[in-house]
Amino acid sequence: MKTNNILFTAWKNRNQIFEGIKNLAIKNHLSEKVAGDRMVACKACPEIDLEGSKCAVPKTQPCCGLCGCSLSVKLRSLSSMCANEKDPKWLPVITHEQEDELDRKYGEE
């Protein structure tokens, strides 16, 4: 994966990346339950990279071998979906806009 492609993809997905980082830093029951369920699917996927050779950011394994995302962040982004476009292992739970609305309404508890 070329650096330009990584930067372009990261910029394009910045809202989902920030969402995943926020949910990793400020853990809540919903995002942790979703992340756990998604991890079960990812562990069964042949594309999982446990060593980190396909990670977009070094030393963030396990990551997705298709998109290079760190699973600790991606799995907690409720508006993200599996990078396998032909056979996604999991789908978004809510849209990014819906998650923003929940944060505004209920705050970060």
Protein backbone atom coordinates (compact mmCIF):
# COMPACT_ATOMS: atom_id res chain seq x y z
CA MET A 1 0.00 0.00 0.00
CA LYS A 2 1.55 3.30 -1.07
CA THR A 3 1.81 6.23 1.35
CA ASN A 4 -0.33 8.45 -0.90
CA ASN A 5 -3.08 5.81 -0.96
CA ILE A 6 -2.94 5.44 2.82
CA LEU A 7 -3.18 9.20 3.36
CA PHE A 8 -6.02 9.57 0.85
CA THR A 9 -7.97 6.71 2.39
CA ALA A 10 -7.37 8.00 5.92
CA TRP A 11 -8.55 11.50 4.96
CA LYS A 12 -11.63 10.11 3.22
CA ASN A 13 -12.51 8.03 6.29
CA ARG A 14 -11.43 10.55 8.95
CA ASN A 15 -14.86 10.78 10.59
CA GLN A 16 -15.03 7.03 11.08
CA ILE A 17 -11.42 6.93 12.30
CA PHE A 18 -12.09 9.67 14.86
CA GLU A 19 -15.28 7.88 15.91
CA GLY A 20 -13.35 4.65 16.51
CA ILE A 21 -10.58 6.45 18.42
CA LYS A 22 -13.17 8.22 20.60
CA ASN A 23 -14.94 4.93 21.35
CA LEU A 24 -11.62 3.29 22.16
CA ALA A 25 -10.59 6.12 24.52
CA ILE A 26 -14.03 6.56 26.12
CA LYS A 27 -15.39 3.05 26.23
CA ASN A 28 -19.11 2.40 26.45
CA HIS A 29 -21.16 -0.77 26.58
CA LEU A 30 -22.58 -0.50 23.05
CA SER A 31 -19.31 0.10 21.19
CA GLU A 32 -17.54 -2.62 23.21
CA LYS A 33 -20.31 -5.15 22.50
CA VAL A 34 -20.25 -4.32 18.78
CA ALA A 35 -16.43 -4.49 18.71
CA GLY A 36 -16.50 -7.91 20.41
CA ASP A 37 -19.03 -9.30 17.95
CA ARG A 38 -17.09 -7.90 15.01
CA MET A 39 -13.79 -9.30 16.30
CA VAL A 40 -15.27 -12.81 16.28
CA ALA A 41 -15.99 -12.36 12.56
CA CYS A 42 -12.55 -10.84 11.89
CA LYS A 43 -10.70 -13.65 13.68
CA ALA A 44 -12.40 -16.13 11.34
CA CYS A 45 -11.46 -14.08 8.26
CA PRO A 46 -8.38 -15.11 6.24
CA GLU A 47 -7.58 -11.41 5.65
CA ILE A 48 -6.79 -10.62 9.31
CA ASP A 49 -3.18 -9.49 9.78
CA LEU A 50 -1.93 -10.52 13.21
CA GLU A 51 1.74 -9.67 12.56
CA GLY A 52 1.19 -6.14 11.22
CA SER A 53 2.76 -6.47 7.78
CA LYS A 54 -0.33 -4.97 6.10
CA CYS A 55 -1.18 -2.34 8.74
CA ALA A 56 -1.43 1.24 7.45
CA VAL A 57 0.13 2.41 10.72
CA PRO A 58 3.04 0.26 11.93
CA LYS A 59 2.65 -1.67 15.19
CA THR A 60 -1.17 -1.35 15.32
CA GLN A 61 -1.94 -5.01 14.73
CA PRO A 62 -4.17 -6.84 14.54
CA CYS A 63 -5.39 -5.03 11.46
CA CYS A 64 -7.41 -5.71 8.36
CA GLY A 65 -5.25 -7.04 5.55
CA LEU A 66 -7.59 -5.49 2.97
CA CYS A 67 -7.73 -1.86 4.16
CA GLY A 68 -4.83 -1.72 6.65
CA CYS A 69 -7.00 -0.37 9.47
CA SER A 70 -6.17 -1.19 13.07
CA LEU A 71 -8.97 -3.41 14.30
CA SER A 72 -8.89 -1.88 17.78
CA VAL A 73 -10.13 1.37 16.18
CA LYS A 74 -12.14 0.18 13.19
CA LEU A 75 -14.25 -2.31 15.13
CA ARG A 76 -15.37 0.45 17.51
CA SER A 77 -16.48 2.79 14.74
CA LEU A 78 -20.18 2.02 14.72
CA SER A 79 -20.62 3.64 11.30
CA SER A 80 -17.85 1.58 9.65
CA MET A 81 -18.24 -1.62 7.68
CA CYS A 82 -15.98 -4.53 6.82
CA ALA A 83 -13.54 -3.74 4.00
CA ASN A 84 -14.44 -6.91 2.10
CA GLU A 85 -16.79 -5.36 -0.44
CA LYS A 86 -17.69 -8.69 -2.08
CA ASP A 87 -18.49 -10.51 1.16
CA PRO A 88 -18.62 -8.10 4.13
CA LYS A 89 -18.30 -9.87 7.48
CA TRP A 90 -20.11 -7.05 9.29
CA LEU A 91 -22.03 -3.87 8.46
CA PRO A 92 -22.48 -0.43 10.06
CA VAL A 93 -24.72 -0.34 13.11
CA ILE A 94 -25.64 3.32 12.69
CA THR A 95 -24.60 6.19 10.44
CA HIS A 96 -21.93 8.66 11.52
CA GLU A 97 -24.61 11.36 11.69
CA GLN A 98 -26.76 9.21 14.00
CA GLU A 99 -23.80 8.61 16.31
CA ASP A 100 -23.07 12.36 16.42
CA GLU A 101 -26.71 12.99 17.32
CA LEU A 102 -26.56 10.42 20.15
CA ASP A 103 -23.40 12.10 21.49
CA ARG A 104 -25.10 15.51 21.40
CA LYS A 105 -28.28 14.21 23.03
CA TYR A 106 -26.77 12.02 25.76
CA GLY A 107 -23.21 13.26 26.08
CA GLU A 108 -20.21 11.05 26.64
CA GLU A 109 -21.11 8.97 29.65
